C-alpha atoms as a PDB file:
ATOM      1  CA  UNK A   1     -39.090 230.804  30.592  1.00  0.00           C
ATOM      2  CA  UNK A   2     -37.019 233.964  31.316  1.00  0.00           C
ATOM      3  CA  UNK A   3     -37.591 233.496  35.012  1.00  0.00           C
ATOM      4  CA  UNK A   4     -36.034 229.976  35.047  1.00  0.00           C
ATOM      5  CA  UNK A   5     -32.501 229.552  36.268  1.00  0.00           C
ATOM      6  CA  UNK A   6     -30.042 228.117  33.660  1.00  0.00           C
ATOM      7  CA  UNK A   7     -29.659 224.797  35.531  1.00  0.00           C
ATOM      8  CA  UNK A   8     -33.432 224.180  35.491  1.00  0.00           C
ATOM      9  CA  UNK A   9     -33.607 225.288  31.930  1.00  0.00           C
ATOM     10  CA  UNK A  10     -31.008 222.632  31.020  1.00  0.00           C
ATOM     11  CA  UNK A  11     -32.871 219.988  32.950  1.00  0.00           C
ATOM     12  CA  UNK A  12     -36.098 220.803  31.178  1.00  0.00           C
ATOM     13  CA  UNK A  13     -34.406 220.783  27.710  1.00  0.00           C
ATOM     14  CA  UNK A  14     -32.816 217.423  28.562  1.00  0.00           C
ATOM     15  CA  UNK A  15     -36.154 216.019  29.588  1.00  0.00           C
ATOM     16  CA  UNK A  16     -37.593 217.206  26.272  1.00  0.00           C
ATOM     17  CA  UNK A  17     -34.781 215.619  24.295  1.00  0.00           C
ATOM     18  CA  UNK A  18     -35.379 212.295  26.243  1.00  0.00           C
ATOM     19  CA  UNK A  19     -39.095 212.482  25.494  1.00  0.00           C
ATOM     20  CA  UNK A  20     -38.392 213.140  21.780  1.00  0.00           C
ATOM     21  CA  UNK A  21     -36.045 210.237  21.562  1.00  0.00           C
ATOM     22  CA  UNK A  22     -38.447 207.905  23.387  1.00  0.00           C
ATOM     23  CA  UNK A  23     -41.276 209.069  21.042  1.00  0.00           C
ATOM     24  CA  UNK A  24     -39.100 208.386  17.888  1.00  0.00           C
ATOM     25  CA  UNK A  25     -38.106 204.906  19.352  1.00  0.00           C
ATOM     26  CA  UNK A  26     -41.852 204.091  19.609  1.00  0.00           C
ATOM     27  CA  UNK A  27     -42.768 205.394  16.205  1.00  0.00           C
ATOM     28  CA  UNK A  28     -40.762 202.993  14.119  1.00  0.00           C
ATOM     29  CA  UNK A  29     -43.471 203.356  11.468  1.00  0.00           C
ATOM     30  CA  UNK A  30     -42.243 206.888  10.769  1.00  0.00           C
ATOM     31  CA  UNK A  31     -39.335 206.570   8.357  1.00  0.00           C
ATOM     32  CA  UNK A  32     -36.310 208.920   8.515  1.00  0.00           C
ATOM     33  CA  UNK A  33     -36.882 210.152   4.968  1.00  0.00           C
ATOM     34  CA  UNK A  34     -40.438 211.193   6.032  1.00  0.00           C
ATOM     35  CA  UNK A  35     -38.955 213.044   8.873  1.00  0.00           C
ATOM     36  CA  UNK A  36     -36.396 214.726   6.634  1.00  0.00           C
ATOM     37  CA  UNK A  37     -38.979 215.650   4.018  1.00  0.00           C
ATOM     38  CA  UNK A  38     -41.401 217.130   6.591  1.00  0.00           C
ATOM     39  CA  UNK A  39     -39.135 218.530   9.245  1.00  0.00           C
ATOM     40  CA  UNK A  40     -35.585 218.753   7.822  1.00  0.00           C
ATOM     41  CA  UNK A  41     -34.131 216.452  10.373  1.00  0.00           C
ATOM     42  CA  UNK A  42     -34.263 212.820  11.395  1.00  0.00           C
ATOM     43  CA  UNK A  43     -33.058 210.316  13.946  1.00  0.00           C
ATOM     44  CA  UNK A  44     -29.613 210.404  12.348  1.00  0.00           C
ATOM     45  CA  UNK A  45     -29.471 214.136  12.650  1.00  0.00           C
ATOM     46  CA  UNK A  46     -30.310 213.880  16.344  1.00  0.00           C
ATOM     47  CA  UNK A  47     -27.483 211.246  16.828  1.00  0.00           C
ATOM     48  CA  UNK A  48     -25.139 213.451  14.876  1.00  0.00           C
ATOM     49  CA  UNK A  49     -25.996 216.444  17.127  1.00  0.00           C
ATOM     50  CA  UNK A  50     -25.485 214.332  20.172  1.00  0.00           C
ATOM     51  CA  UNK A  51     -22.117 213.296  18.937  1.00  0.00           C
ATOM     52  CA  UNK A  52     -21.222 216.907  18.103  1.00  0.00           C
ATOM     53  CA  UNK A  53     -22.120 217.964  21.663  1.00  0.00           C
ATOM     54  CA  UNK A  54     -20.046 215.254  23.147  1.00  0.00           C
ATOM     55  CA  UNK A  55     -17.122 216.163  20.819  1.00  0.00           C
ATOM     56  CA  UNK A  56     -17.304 219.783  21.941  1.00  0.00           C
ATOM     57  CA  UNK A  57     -16.787 218.544  25.535  1.00  0.00           C
ATOM     58  CA  UNK A  58     -13.939 216.202  24.582  1.00  0.00           C
ATOM     59  CA  UNK A  59     -15.943 213.054  25.287  1.00  0.00           C
ATOM     60  CA  UNK A  60     -15.113 209.885  23.413  1.00  0.00           C
ATOM     61  CA  UNK A  61     -18.536 209.121  21.966  1.00  0.00           C
ATOM     62  CA  UNK A  62     -18.479 207.301  18.537  1.00  0.00           C
ATOM     63  CA  UNK A  63     -21.047 207.776  15.845  1.00  0.00           C
ATOM     64  CA  UNK A  64     -22.248 204.133  16.486  1.00  0.00           C
ATOM     65  CA  UNK A  65     -22.730 204.947  20.214  1.00  0.00           C
ATOM     66  CA  UNK A  66     -24.734 208.102  19.524  1.00  0.00           C
ATOM     67  CA  UNK A  67     -26.895 206.362  17.019  1.00  0.00           C
ATOM     68  CA  UNK A  68     -27.571 203.419  19.436  1.00  0.00           C
ATOM     69  CA  UNK A  69     -28.549 206.002  22.020  1.00  0.00           C
ATOM     70  CA  UNK A  70     -31.073 207.598  19.773  1.00  0.00           C
ATOM     71  CA  UNK A  71     -32.383 204.447  18.105  1.00  0.00           C
ATOM     72  CA  UNK A  72     -32.417 202.339  21.251  1.00  0.00           C
ATOM     73  CA  UNK A  73     -30.504 199.605  19.523  1.00  0.00           C
ATOM     74  CA  UNK A  74     -27.551 199.376  17.017  1.00  0.00           C
ATOM     75  CA  UNK A  75     -28.381 201.304  13.887  1.00  0.00           C
ATOM     76  CA  UNK A  76     -27.915 198.352  11.521  1.00  0.00           C
ATOM     77  CA  UNK A  77     -30.415 196.288  13.523  1.00  0.00           C
ATOM     78  CA  UNK A  78     -32.937 199.152  13.515  1.00  0.00           C
ATOM     79  CA  UNK A  79     -32.594 199.344   9.765  1.00  0.00           C
ATOM     80  CA  UNK A  80     -33.207 195.597   9.396  1.00  0.00           C
ATOM     81  CA  UNK A  81     -36.204 195.618  11.661  1.00  0.00           C
ATOM     82  CA  UNK A  82     -37.898 198.929  10.690  1.00  0.00           C
ATOM     83  CA  UNK A  83     -36.505 200.713   7.657  1.00  0.00           C
ATOM     84  CA  UNK A  84     -38.380 200.358   4.384  1.00  0.00           C
ATOM     85  CA  UNK A  85     -37.308 201.215   0.784  1.00  0.00           C
ATOM     86  CA  UNK A  86     -38.036 204.807   0.012  1.00  0.00           C
ATOM     87  CA  UNK A  87     -40.666 205.274  -2.548  1.00  0.00           C
ATOM     88  CA  UNK A  88     -39.777 207.193  -5.739  1.00  0.00           C
ATOM     89  CA  UNK A  89     -42.054 210.064  -4.469  1.00  0.00           C
ATOM     90  CA  UNK A  90     -40.236 210.194  -1.094  1.00  0.00           C
ATOM     91  CA  UNK A  91     -36.884 210.132  -2.754  1.00  0.00           C
ATOM     92  CA  UNK A  92     -37.858 212.825  -5.225  1.00  0.00           C
ATOM     93  CA  UNK A  93     -39.102 215.181  -2.441  1.00  0.00           C
ATOM     94  CA  UNK A  94     -35.812 214.384  -0.505  1.00  0.00           C
ATOM     95  CA  UNK A  95     -33.691 215.154  -3.500  1.00  0.00           C
ATOM     96  CA  UNK A  96     -35.575 218.429  -4.166  1.00  0.00           C
ATOM     97  CA  UNK A  97     -35.142 219.577  -0.519  1.00  0.00           C
ATOM     98  CA  UNK A  98     -31.438 218.701  -0.611  1.00  0.00           C
ATOM     99  CA  UNK A  99     -30.940 220.683  -3.880  1.00  0.00           C
ATOM    100  CA  UNK A 100     -32.457 223.632  -2.209  1.00  0.00           C
ATOM    101  CA  UNK A 101     -30.164 223.425   0.752  1.00  0.00           C
ATOM    102  CA  UNK A 102     -32.743 222.154   3.386  1.00  0.00           C
END
């Protein structure tokens, strides 16, 4: 990767982001709490990072807009269609990780 010019590197990274977002849109069976428990980030994190990047550039992207971009639909609609209630085990693992600062 050291031999790739910065513009091409940015294009590659953007393609990876788009592929990750597409993958997560298709894997609606994977809950955000599972992502958080296993990887320490979820769809909401991605949408927050997208908004942060837009904010750094002075762009008027709202939280709802960044979430819709990541989820492929309004967040509330995604939750109604795909989000399940977290099990007590999932919630306990999440709470433990949050207490440790992860």
